[in-house]
Each structure stands twice: as C-alpha cells, then as structure tokens.
C-alpha cells in the first residue's frame, strides 16, 4: 500500500483525543532518530568526497568567496 500525508492525517483525525499527545511524541521520536542518522551518513561520505574537495583546483575555485 502506498501511503501519503493525507492518509496519515485521516488516521490522526480518527484518534481519540487522549491519544493525540502520544502520537505527537512518536512523531518527535521519528524526527530525532532521523537527525541522528544524517550525521553518520555524512561522515561515511566525507572520505570519498575529500578526494575531490582537497585539491589545489578546488581551493582556487573557492578562494574568492
């Protein structure tokens, strides 16, 4: 099944009012978990990208900024 925001919003609308805070907390948990993953991915790509970034040509290209 393909899910979209509208489906999620309908599910949230159908929740009893006493479950809204729990749903909100869960969304915060997902966002926090995702933010922890992004720096790890950046660290993994740093070595591969450094081959292109750490060069005299790149230094010259960015020297005027």
PDB file of N, CA and C in Angstrom:
ATOM      1  N   UNK A   1       0.834  -1.171   0.000  1.00  0.00           N
ATOM      2  CA  UNK A   1       0.000   0.000   0.000  1.00  0.00           C
ATOM      3  C   UNK A   1       0.884   1.241   0.000  1.00  0.00           C
ATOM      4  N   UNK A   2       0.587   2.184  -0.865  1.00  0.00           N
ATOM      5  CA  UNK A   2       1.304   3.450  -0.908  1.00  0.00           C
ATOM      6  C   UNK A   2       0.626   4.405   0.059  1.00  0.00           C
ATOM      7  N   UNK A   3       1.446   4.971   0.955  1.00  0.00           N
ATOM      8  CA  UNK A   3       0.897   5.878   1.958  1.00  0.00           C
ATOM      9  C   UNK A   3       1.284   7.304   1.614  1.00  0.00           C
ATOM     10  N   UNK A   4       0.432   8.235   1.983  1.00  0.00           N
ATOM     11  CA  UNK A   4       0.755   9.638   1.808  1.00  0.00           C
ATOM     12  C   UNK A   4       0.316  10.416   3.061  1.00  0.00           C
ATOM     13  N   UNK A   5       0.607  11.689   3.081  1.00  0.00           N
ATOM     14  CA  UNK A   5       0.300  12.503   4.259  1.00  0.00           C
ATOM     15  C   UNK A   5      -1.195  12.549   4.542  1.00  0.00           C
ATOM     16  N   UNK A   6      -2.005  12.555   3.493  1.00  0.00           N
ATOM     17  CA  UNK A   6      -3.455  12.617   3.698  1.00  0.00           C
ATOM     18  C   UNK A   6      -3.962  11.390   4.447  1.00  0.00           C
ATOM     19  N   UNK A   7      -3.397  10.231   4.123  1.00  0.00           N
ATOM     20  CA  UNK A   7      -3.799   9.015   4.830  1.00  0.00           C
ATOM     21  C   UNK A   7      -3.419   9.114   6.302  1.00  0.00           C
ATOM     22  N   UNK A   8      -2.220   9.610   6.564  1.00  0.00           N
ATOM     23  CA  UNK A   8      -1.766   9.762   7.944  1.00  0.00           C
ATOM     24  C   UNK A   8      -2.649  10.760   8.685  1.00  0.00           C
ATOM     25  N   UNK A   9      -2.973  11.866   8.045  1.00  0.00           N
ATOM     26  CA  UNK A   9      -3.814  12.867   8.689  1.00  0.00           C
ATOM     27  C   UNK A   9      -5.208  12.318   9.002  1.00  0.00           C
ATOM     28  N   UNK A  10      -5.739  11.499   8.109  1.00  0.00           N
ATOM     29  CA  UNK A  10      -7.048  10.865   8.383  1.00  0.00           C
ATOM     30  C   UNK A  10      -6.963   9.953   9.602  1.00  0.00           C
ATOM     31  N   UNK A  11      -5.867   9.210   9.701  1.00  0.00           N
ATOM     32  CA  UNK A  11      -5.687   8.331  10.855  1.00  0.00           C
ATOM     33  C   UNK A  11      -5.569   9.140  12.144  1.00  0.00           C
ATOM     34  N   UNK A  12      -4.833  10.242  12.077  1.00  0.00           N
ATOM     35  CA  UNK A  12      -4.694  11.098  13.256  1.00  0.00           C
ATOM     36  C   UNK A  12      -6.052  11.689  13.636  1.00  0.00           C
ATOM     37  N   UNK A  13      -6.808  12.135  12.645  1.00  0.00           N
ATOM     38  CA  UNK A  13      -8.144  12.682  12.916  1.00  0.00           C
ATOM     39  C   UNK A  13      -9.055  11.658  13.581  1.00  0.00           C
ATOM     40  N   UNK A  14      -8.835  10.384  13.286  1.00  0.00           N
ATOM     41  CA  UNK A  14      -9.687   9.332  13.841  1.00  0.00           C
ATOM     42  C   UNK A  14      -9.273   8.923  15.254  1.00  0.00           C
ATOM     43  N   UNK A  15      -8.120   9.386  15.715  1.00  0.00           N
ATOM     44  CA  UNK A  15      -7.657   9.014  17.060  1.00  0.00           C
ATOM     45  C   UNK A  15      -8.516   9.664  18.138  1.00  0.00           C
ATOM     46  N   UNK A  16      -8.707   8.952  19.230  1.00  0.00           N
ATOM     47  CA  UNK A  16      -9.357   9.587  20.383  1.00  0.00           C
ATOM     48  C   UNK A  16      -8.474  10.731  20.887  1.00  0.00           C
ATOM     49  N   UNK A  17      -9.068  11.761  21.406  1.00  0.00           N
ATOM     50  CA  UNK A  17      -8.342  12.954  21.830  1.00  0.00           C
ATOM     51  C   UNK A  17      -7.241  12.639  22.843  1.00  0.00           C
ATOM     52  N   UNK A  18      -7.441  11.618  23.664  1.00  0.00           N
ATOM     53  CA  UNK A  18      -6.424  11.292  24.669  1.00  0.00           C
ATOM     54  C   UNK A  18      -5.188  10.599  24.066  1.00  0.00           C
ATOM     55  N   UNK A  19      -5.220  10.279  22.771  1.00  0.00           N
ATOM     56  CA  UNK A  19      -4.064   9.656  22.109  1.00  0.00           C
ATOM     57  C   UNK A  19      -3.234  10.665  21.305  1.00  0.00           C
ATOM     58  N   UNK A  20      -3.714  11.889  21.191  1.00  0.00           N
ATOM     59  CA  UNK A  20      -3.030  12.879  20.365  1.00  0.00           C
ATOM     60  C   UNK A  20      -1.624  13.176  20.890  1.00  0.00           C
ATOM     61  N   UNK A  21      -1.480  13.328  22.198  1.00  0.00           N
ATOM     62  CA  UNK A  21      -0.163  13.617  22.774  1.00  0.00           C
ATOM     63  C   UNK A  21       0.809  12.475  22.498  1.00  0.00           C
ATOM     64  N   UNK A  22       0.339  11.242  22.572  1.00  0.00           N
ATOM     65  CA  UNK A  22       1.196  10.094  22.299  1.00  0.00           C
ATOM     66  C   UNK A  22       1.638  10.076  20.834  1.00  0.00           C
ATOM     67  N   UNK A  23       0.717  10.394  19.927  1.00  0.00           N
ATOM     68  CA  UNK A  23       1.054  10.452  18.503  1.00  0.00           C
ATOM     69  C   UNK A  23       2.071  11.567  18.249  1.00  0.00           C
ATOM     70  N   UNK A  24       1.884  12.698  18.889  1.00  0.00           N
ATOM     71  CA  UNK A  24       2.814  13.816  18.747  1.00  0.00           C
ATOM     72  C   UNK A  24       4.206  13.423  19.237  1.00  0.00           C
ATOM     73  N   UNK A  25       4.270  12.749  20.383  1.00  0.00           N
ATOM     74  CA  UNK A  25       5.555  12.286  20.914  1.00  0.00           C
ATOM     75  C   UNK A  25       6.237  11.311  19.954  1.00  0.00           C
ATOM     76  N   UNK A  26       5.451  10.442  19.331  1.00  0.00           N
ATOM     77  CA  UNK A  26       6.022   9.473  18.409  1.00  0.00           C
ATOM     78  C   UNK A  26       6.611  10.160  17.181  1.00  0.00           C
ATOM     79  N   UNK A  27       5.919  11.172  16.675  1.00  0.00           N
ATOM     80  CA  UNK A  27       6.450  11.928  15.538  1.00  0.00           C
ATOM     81  C   UNK A  27       7.773  12.590  15.939  1.00  0.00           C
ATOM     82  N   UNK A  28       7.842  13.130  17.138  1.00  0.00           N
ATOM     83  CA  UNK A  28       9.097  13.710  17.626  1.00  0.00           C
ATOM     84  C   UNK A  28      10.201  12.677  17.707  1.00  0.00           C
ATOM     85  N   UNK A  29       9.853  11.474  18.141  1.00  0.00           N
ATOM     86  CA  UNK A  29      10.827  10.376  18.214  1.00  0.00           C
ATOM     87  C   UNK A  29      11.381  10.043  16.829  1.00  0.00           C
ATOM     88  N   UNK A  30      10.514   9.974  15.843  1.00  0.00           N
ATOM     89  CA  UNK A  30      10.940   9.665  14.475  1.00  0.00           C
ATOM     90  C   UNK A  30      11.884  10.752  13.969  1.00  0.00           C
ATOM     91  N   UNK A  31      11.539  12.015  14.193  1.00  0.00           N
ATOM     92  CA  UNK A  31      12.389  13.117  13.736  1.00  0.00           C
ATOM     93  C   UNK A  31      13.754  13.076  14.414  1.00  0.00           C
ATOM     94  N   UNK A  32      13.779  12.806  15.708  1.00  0.00           N
ATOM     95  CA  UNK A  32      15.041  12.749  16.448  1.00  0.00           C
ATOM     96  C   UNK A  32      15.912  11.609  15.943  1.00  0.00           C
ATOM     97  N   UNK A  33      15.312  10.444  15.743  1.00  0.00           N
ATOM     98  CA  UNK A  33      16.049   9.286  15.242  1.00  0.00           C
ATOM     99  C   UNK A  33      16.640   9.572  13.869  1.00  0.00           C
ATOM    100  N   UNK A  34      15.881  10.241  13.027  1.00  0.00           N
ATOM    101  CA  UNK A  34      16.363  10.564  11.672  1.00  0.00           C
ATOM    102  C   UNK A  34      17.521  11.549  11.726  1.00  0.00           C
ATOM    103  N   UNK A  35      17.471  12.518  12.611  1.00  0.00           N
ATOM    104  CA  UNK A  35      18.547  13.502  12.725  1.00  0.00           C
ATOM    105  C   UNK A  35      19.835  12.856  13.217  1.00  0.00           C
ATOM    106  N   UNK A  36      19.745  11.789  13.987  1.00  0.00           N
ATOM    107  CA  UNK A  36      20.934  11.087  14.441  1.00  0.00           C
ATOM    108  C   UNK A  36      21.582  10.315  13.300  1.00  0.00           C
ATOM    109  N   UNK A  37      20.796   9.873  12.328  1.00  0.00           N
ATOM    110  CA  UNK A  37      21.294   9.089  11.207  1.00  0.00           C
ATOM    111  C   UNK A  37      22.008   9.959  10.179  1.00  0.00           C
ATOM    112  N   UNK A  38      21.547  11.159   9.969  1.00  0.00           N
ATOM    113  CA  UNK A  38      22.109  12.026   8.933  1.00  0.00           C
ATOM    114  C   UNK A  38      23.599  12.288   9.156  1.00  0.00           C
ATOM    115  N   UNK A  39      24.043  12.673  10.354  1.00  0.00           N
ATOM    116  CA  UNK A  39      25.494  12.891  10.523  1.00  0.00           C
ATOM    117  C   UNK A  39      26.326  11.642  10.258  1.00  0.00           C
ATOM    118  N   UNK A  40      25.824  10.467  10.573  1.00  0.00           N
ATOM    119  CA  UNK A  40      26.563   9.242  10.297  1.00  0.00           C
ATOM    120  C   UNK A  40      26.772   9.058   8.796  1.00  0.00           C
ATOM    121  N   UNK A  41      25.751   9.348   8.022  1.00  0.00           N
ATOM    122  CA  UNK A  41      25.860   9.232   6.570  1.00  0.00           C
ATOM    123  C   UNK A  41      26.861  10.263   6.048  1.00  0.00           C
ATOM    124  N   UNK A  42      26.830  11.463   6.605  1.00  0.00           N
ATOM    125  CA  UNK A  42      27.764  12.494   6.183  1.00  0.00           C
ATOM    126  C   UNK A  42      29.201  12.071   6.476  1.00  0.00           C
ATOM    127  N   UNK A  43      29.419  11.463   7.632  1.00  0.00           N
ATOM    128  CA  UNK A  43      30.766  11.017   7.987  1.00  0.00           C
ATOM    129  C   UNK A  43      31.254   9.936   7.028  1.00  0.00           C
ATOM    130  N   UNK A  44      30.367   9.036   6.638  1.00  0.00           N
ATOM    131  CA  UNK A  44      30.757   7.957   5.745  1.00  0.00           C
ATOM    132  C   UNK A  44      31.155   8.486   4.369  1.00  0.00           C
ATOM    133  N   UNK A  45      30.499   9.549   3.907  1.00  0.00           N
ATOM    134  CA  UNK A  45      30.799  10.068   2.576  1.00  0.00           C
ATOM    135  C   UNK A  45      31.974  11.037   2.579  1.00  0.00           C
ATOM    136  N   UNK A  46      32.384  11.503   3.740  1.00  0.00           N
ATOM    137  CA  UNK A  46      33.448  12.503   3.812  1.00  0.00           C
ATOM    138  C   UNK A  46      34.735  12.016   3.153  1.00  0.00           C
ATOM    139  N   UNK A  47      35.143  10.800   3.404  1.00  0.00           N
ATOM    140  CA  UNK A  47      36.383  10.278   2.841  1.00  0.00           C
ATOM    141  C   UNK A  47      36.333  10.244   1.310  1.00  0.00           C
ATOM    142  N   UNK A  48      35.226   9.782   0.773  1.00  0.00           N
ATOM    143  CA  UNK A  48      35.104   9.691  -0.684  1.00  0.00           C
ATOM    144  C   UNK A  48      35.090  11.078  -1.320  1.00  0.00           C
ATOM    145  N   UNK A  49      34.409  12.014  -0.695  1.00  0.00           N
ATOM    146  CA  UNK A  49      34.326  13.357  -1.260  1.00  0.00           C
ATOM    147  C   UNK A  49      35.614  14.150  -1.080  1.00  0.00           C
ATOM    148  N   UNK A  50      36.385  13.810  -0.070  1.00  0.00           N
ATOM    149  CA  UNK A  50      37.625  14.535   0.200  1.00  0.00           C
ATOM    150  C   UNK A  50      38.597  14.447  -0.972  1.00  0.00           C
ATOM    151  N   UNK A  51      38.546  13.353  -1.709  1.00  0.00           N
ATOM    152  CA  UNK A  51      39.440  13.211  -2.873  1.00  0.00           C
ATOM    153  C   UNK A  51      39.224  14.340  -3.876  1.00  0.00           C
ATOM    154  N   UNK A  52      37.976  14.777  -4.014  1.00  0.00           N
ATOM    155  CA  UNK A  52      37.681  15.871  -4.940  1.00  0.00           C
ATOM    156  C   UNK A  52      37.821  17.239  -4.275  1.00  0.00           C
ATOM    157  N   UNK A  53      37.449  17.318  -3.013  1.00  0.00           N
ATOM    158  CA  UNK A  53      37.457  18.617  -2.331  1.00  0.00           C
ATOM    159  C   UNK A  53      38.859  19.078  -1.967  1.00  0.00           C
ATOM    160  N   UNK A  54      39.701  18.166  -1.548  1.00  0.00           N
ATOM    161  CA  UNK A  54      41.029  18.527  -1.073  1.00  0.00           C
ATOM    162  C   UNK A  54      42.024  18.540  -2.230  1.00  0.00           C
ATOM    163  N   UNK A  55      41.884  19.547  -3.087  1.00  0.00           N
ATOM    164  CA  UNK A  55      42.789  19.652  -4.228  1.00  0.00           C
ATOM    165  C   UNK A  55      43.097  21.126  -4.473  1.00  0.00           C
ATOM    166  N   UNK A  56      44.228  21.415  -5.056  1.00  0.00           N
ATOM    167  CA  UNK A  56      44.566  22.811  -5.376  1.00  0.00           C
ATOM    168  C   UNK A  56      43.525  23.459  -6.305  1.00  0.00           C
ATOM    169  N   UNK A  57      42.965  22.672  -7.217  1.00  0.00           N
ATOM    170  CA  UNK A  57      41.942  23.218  -8.120  1.00  0.00           C
ATOM    171  C   UNK A  57      40.699  23.673  -7.360  1.00  0.00           C
ATOM    172  N   UNK A  58      40.268  22.868  -6.420  1.00  0.00           N
ATOM    173  CA  UNK A  58      39.098  23.241  -5.618  1.00  0.00           C
ATOM    174  C   UNK A  58      39.403  24.458  -4.744  1.00  0.00           C
ATOM    175  N   UNK A  59      40.586  24.479  -4.155  1.00  0.00           N
ATOM    176  CA  UNK A  59      40.979  25.629  -3.331  1.00  0.00           C
ATOM    177  C   UNK A  59      40.961  26.905  -4.167  1.00  0.00           C
ATOM    178  N   UNK A  60      41.462  26.838  -5.378  1.00  0.00           N
ATOM    179  CA  UNK A  60      41.484  28.005  -6.251  1.00  0.00           C
ATOM    180  C   UNK A  60      40.067  28.429  -6.626  1.00  0.00           C
ATOM    181  N   UNK A  61      39.217  27.450  -6.900  1.00  0.00           N
ATOM    182  CA  UNK A  61      37.841  27.758  -7.297  1.00  0.00           C
ATOM    183  C   UNK A  61      37.066  28.469  -6.190  1.00  0.00           C
ATOM    184  N   UNK A  62      37.349  28.147  -4.945  1.00  0.00           N
ATOM    185  CA  UNK A  62      36.609  28.709  -3.821  1.00  0.00           C
ATOM    186  C   UNK A  62      37.343  29.870  -3.137  1.00  0.00           C
ATOM    187  N   UNK A  63      38.514  30.220  -3.591  1.00  0.00           N
ATOM    188  CA  UNK A  63      39.324  31.228  -2.887  1.00  0.00           C
ATOM    189  C   UNK A  63      38.705  32.616  -2.904  1.00  0.00           C
ATOM    190  N   UNK A  64      37.887  32.921  -3.882  1.00  0.00           N
ATOM    191  CA  UNK A  64      37.289  34.257  -3.967  1.00  0.00           C
ATOM    192  C   UNK A  64      36.028  34.446  -3.157  1.00  0.00           C
ATOM    193  N   UNK A  65      35.591  33.428  -2.485  1.00  0.00           N
ATOM    194  CA  UNK A  65      34.337  33.542  -1.734  1.00  0.00           C
ATOM    195  C   UNK A  65      34.556  33.932  -0.290  1.00  0.00           C
TER     196      UNK A  65
END
